[in-house]
């Protein structure tokens, strides 16, 4: 049986840890049926978890990079209202890639 240490109740004020005390404590919890059994993930499950975590990290990095780029472009090329005062896209050259950036500007009035 594998038990999760975070799910085991510890007596209040029990600061001295010895193997004998731990053994008595675990035996008492086992007798009362208060030990929560956990399963150990298989290699394939752990690989899947790692892949999901890596995908989430990559997605977060992508969104952060997009936000940084948008803020940089807005600092370098502030939006200017067109005649109607609505949306005005402008083109910015970034490296060899041309990006269309849509800026929404509000005109007073």
Protein backbone atom coordinates (compact mmCIF):
# COMPACT_ATOMS: atom_id res chain seq x y z
CA UNK A 1 0.00 0.00 0.00
CA UNK A 2 1.22 3.48 -0.84
CA UNK A 3 -0.13 6.32 1.28
CA UNK A 4 -0.01 10.04 0.52
CA UNK A 5 1.87 11.78 3.34
CA UNK A 6 -0.10 14.98 2.76
CA UNK A 7 -3.35 13.14 3.51
CA UNK A 8 -2.21 11.65 6.83
CA UNK A 9 -3.39 13.40 9.97
CA UNK A 10 -0.68 14.39 12.42
CA UNK A 11 -1.39 14.85 16.11
CA UNK A 12 -1.21 18.47 17.23
CA UNK A 13 1.99 19.29 19.10
CA UNK A 14 3.80 16.13 17.95
CA UNK A 15 7.10 17.66 16.87
CA UNK A 16 9.52 14.86 17.70
CA UNK A 17 9.72 12.39 14.83
CA UNK A 18 11.10 8.95 15.40
CA UNK A 19 10.61 5.79 13.41
CA UNK A 20 8.94 4.13 16.38
CA UNK A 21 6.41 6.96 16.79
CA UNK A 22 5.74 6.99 13.04
CA UNK A 23 5.20 3.22 13.03
CA UNK A 24 2.72 3.40 15.93
CA UNK A 25 0.93 6.32 14.31
CA UNK A 26 0.66 4.57 10.93
CA UNK A 27 -0.50 1.33 12.58
CA UNK A 28 -3.24 3.22 14.41
CA UNK A 29 -4.40 4.98 11.23
CA UNK A 30 -4.36 1.70 9.31
CA UNK A 31 -6.41 0.00 12.04
CA UNK A 32 -9.00 2.81 11.87
CA UNK A 33 -9.02 2.71 8.06
CA UNK A 34 -7.99 6.35 7.78
CA UNK A 35 -5.08 5.89 5.40
CA UNK A 36 -5.89 7.08 1.87
CA UNK A 37 -4.35 4.76 -0.67
CA UNK A 38 -2.88 6.38 -3.76
CA UNK A 39 -1.88 4.82 -7.04
CA UNK A 40 1.51 5.27 -8.61
CA UNK A 41 1.16 6.49 -12.20
CA UNK A 42 2.51 4.21 -14.88
CA UNK A 43 5.30 5.30 -17.19
CA UNK A 44 2.82 6.07 -19.98
CA UNK A 45 0.61 8.12 -17.63
CA UNK A 46 3.59 10.09 -16.37
CA UNK A 47 4.73 10.68 -19.97
CA UNK A 48 1.27 11.96 -20.85
CA UNK A 49 1.30 14.30 -17.84
CA UNK A 50 4.71 15.63 -18.85
CA UNK A 51 3.45 16.23 -22.38
CA UNK A 52 0.38 18.11 -21.10
CA UNK A 53 2.55 20.23 -18.79
CA UNK A 54 4.96 21.01 -21.65
CA UNK A 55 2.04 21.99 -23.92
CA UNK A 56 0.60 24.29 -21.24
CA UNK A 57 4.02 25.89 -20.71
CA UNK A 58 4.48 26.40 -24.46
CA UNK A 59 0.99 27.91 -24.77
CA UNK A 60 1.70 30.26 -21.86
CA UNK A 61 5.02 31.28 -23.41
CA UNK A 62 3.31 31.91 -26.75
CA UNK A 63 0.66 34.13 -25.18
CA UNK A 64 3.31 36.06 -23.22
CA UNK A 65 5.34 36.60 -26.40
CA UNK A 66 2.23 37.79 -28.26
CA UNK A 67 1.40 40.27 -25.51
CA UNK A 68 4.98 41.56 -25.39
CA UNK A 69 5.02 41.99 -29.18
CA UNK A 70 1.66 43.78 -29.18
CA UNK A 71 2.83 46.18 -26.46
CA UNK A 72 6.10 46.81 -28.31
CA UNK A 73 4.25 47.54 -31.54
CA UNK A 74 1.87 49.89 -29.76
CA UNK A 75 4.81 51.77 -28.22
CA UNK A 76 6.65 52.04 -31.54
CA UNK A 77 3.59 52.77 -33.68
CA UNK A 78 0.77 54.32 -31.67
CA UNK A 79 -2.66 53.90 -33.24
CA UNK A 80 -3.94 56.80 -35.24
CA UNK A 81 -7.63 57.24 -35.86
CA UNK A 82 -8.89 57.15 -39.42
CA UNK A 83 -11.50 59.52 -40.76
CA UNK A 84 -14.45 57.50 -39.46
CA UNK A 85 -12.81 57.06 -36.03
CA UNK A 86 -13.13 53.28 -36.13
CA UNK A 87 -10.60 50.52 -36.52
CA UNK A 88 -7.46 51.03 -38.54
CA UNK A 89 -5.10 48.19 -39.32
CA UNK A 90 -1.47 49.01 -40.00
CA UNK A 91 1.34 46.85 -41.30
CA UNK A 92 4.58 46.41 -39.41
CA UNK A 93 7.68 44.69 -40.74
CA UNK A 94 9.13 42.29 -38.15
CA UNK A 95 12.21 40.55 -39.49
CA UNK A 96 11.17 38.93 -42.74
CA UNK A 97 7.54 38.61 -41.70
CA UNK A 98 4.94 41.25 -42.33
CA UNK A 99 2.25 41.46 -39.66
CA UNK A 100 -1.10 43.14 -39.85
CA UNK A 101 -1.92 44.66 -36.49
CA UNK A 102 -5.40 45.89 -35.74
CA UNK A 103 -5.55 48.88 -33.46
CA UNK A 104 -8.81 50.18 -32.10
CA UNK A 105 -8.69 53.85 -31.44
CA UNK A 106 -11.35 56.05 -29.96
CA UNK A 107 -11.72 59.59 -31.13
CA UNK A 108 -13.24 62.17 -28.86
CA UNK A 109 -16.64 63.36 -29.90
